[in-house]
Amino acid sequence: MEVYDNASVSSLEITKLWVYPNPVSDKLTIKIDGENENMDVVMYDVFEKKVRAQLLEVTQNNIHNTINVSDLVSGPYLLLLRGDNEVKTI
């Protein structure tokens, strides 16, 4: 699975975002520095089918979570990050 940042960005202001490794085969890591609210991440395949949804929890003003993707087929996926009334697509 590869992650592309083609950022059709709405209003979510994230200054330090890491999504790695790329490509990923087992666990995808999402790290956001300076965030003070929990977020949801939703993962879609190229057919716009939701394949994952997970809460990203804040710990000490940062988000650092992993998502198990080992059962997904290889290919591009879209990640949607949602905060309170804010969205960022990567």
Protein backbone atom coordinates (compact mmCIF):
# COMPACT_ATOMS: atom_id res chain seq x y z
CA MET A 1 0.00 0.00 0.00
CA GLU A 2 1.30 3.47 -0.86
CA VAL A 3 0.28 6.76 0.72
CA TYR A 4 0.11 9.88 -1.47
CA ASP A 5 -0.33 13.39 -0.11
CA ASN A 6 -2.41 14.93 -2.86
CA ALA A 7 -4.04 16.94 -0.07
CA SER A 8 -7.47 17.99 -1.12
CA VAL A 9 -7.40 20.00 2.07
CA SER A 10 -10.51 21.40 3.63
CA SER A 11 -10.22 23.45 6.80
CA LEU A 12 -8.21 21.20 9.15
CA GLU A 13 -5.01 23.02 10.09
CA ILE A 14 -2.24 20.48 10.66
CA THR A 15 1.31 21.80 10.58
CA LYS A 16 3.29 18.65 11.41
CA LEU A 17 1.85 15.44 9.97
CA TRP A 18 3.71 12.21 9.31
CA VAL A 19 2.22 9.13 7.64
CA TYR A 20 4.74 6.29 7.28
CA PRO A 21 6.17 3.93 6.07
CA ASN A 22 5.46 4.31 2.37
CA PRO A 23 4.82 1.79 0.99
CA VAL A 24 3.40 -0.04 4.00
CA SER A 25 2.69 -3.75 4.38
CA ASP A 26 1.85 -4.26 8.06
CA LYS A 27 1.27 -1.19 10.26
CA LEU A 28 0.71 2.37 9.09
CA THR A 29 1.84 5.06 11.54
CA ILE A 30 0.12 8.43 11.76
CA LYS A 31 1.85 11.10 13.84
CA ILE A 32 0.57 14.65 14.37
CA ASP A 33 2.50 17.10 16.57
CA GLY A 34 0.84 19.93 18.45
CA GLU A 35 -2.68 18.51 18.30
CA ASN A 36 -4.89 18.83 21.37
CA GLU A 37 -8.07 17.01 20.31
CA ASN A 38 -8.78 13.44 19.31
CA MET A 39 -9.38 12.80 15.61
CA ASP A 40 -10.92 10.08 13.51
CA VAL A 41 -9.14 8.55 10.56
CA VAL A 42 -11.14 6.80 7.86
CA MET A 43 -9.39 4.83 5.11
CA TYR A 44 -10.96 4.29 1.68
CA ASP A 45 -9.91 2.16 -1.28
CA VAL A 46 -9.93 3.46 -4.88
CA PHE A 47 -13.58 2.42 -5.23
CA GLU A 48 -14.48 4.73 -2.30
CA LYS A 49 -15.27 1.77 -0.07
CA LYS A 50 -14.48 2.38 3.60
CA VAL A 51 -11.92 -0.22 4.67
CA ARG A 52 -10.87 1.16 8.09
CA ALA A 53 -12.02 3.64 10.71
CA GLN A 54 -10.13 4.37 13.89
CA LEU A 55 -9.95 6.97 16.64
CA LEU A 56 -6.61 8.78 16.88
CA GLU A 57 -6.12 9.70 20.53
CA VAL A 58 -4.10 12.63 21.87
CA THR A 59 -1.28 11.88 24.31
CA GLN A 60 0.73 14.82 25.71
CA ASN A 61 -0.44 17.24 22.96
CA ASN A 62 0.46 14.79 20.18
CA ILE A 63 -1.17 12.02 18.19
CA HIS A 64 0.92 8.92 17.49
CA ASN A 65 -1.14 5.89 16.43
CA THR A 66 -0.74 2.85 14.22
CA ILE A 67 -3.30 1.18 11.97
CA ASN A 68 -3.03 -2.50 11.10
CA VAL A 69 -3.26 -2.79 7.30
CA SER A 70 -1.75 -6.25 6.87
CA ASP A 71 -5.02 -7.69 5.55
CA LEU A 72 -5.51 -5.04 2.84
CA VAL A 73 -4.56 -5.66 -0.77
CA SER A 74 -1.70 -3.66 -2.22
CA GLY A 75 -2.69 -0.40 -3.92
CA PRO A 76 -3.48 3.27 -3.29
CA TYR A 77 -5.75 4.31 -0.41
CA LEU A 78 -7.24 7.60 0.70
CA LEU A 79 -7.02 8.74 4.34
CA LEU A 80 -9.58 11.14 5.74
CA LEU A 81 -8.71 12.88 9.02
CA ARG A 82 -11.62 14.44 10.91
CA GLY A 83 -11.52 16.77 13.88
CA ASP A 84 -14.38 18.83 15.29
CA ASN A 85 -16.11 20.07 12.10
CA GLU A 86 -12.79 19.95 10.21
CA VAL A 87 -11.53 17.52 7.57
CA LYS A 88 -8.22 16.81 5.82
CA THR A 89 -7.83 14.28 3.02
CA ILE A 90 -4.41 12.75 2.31
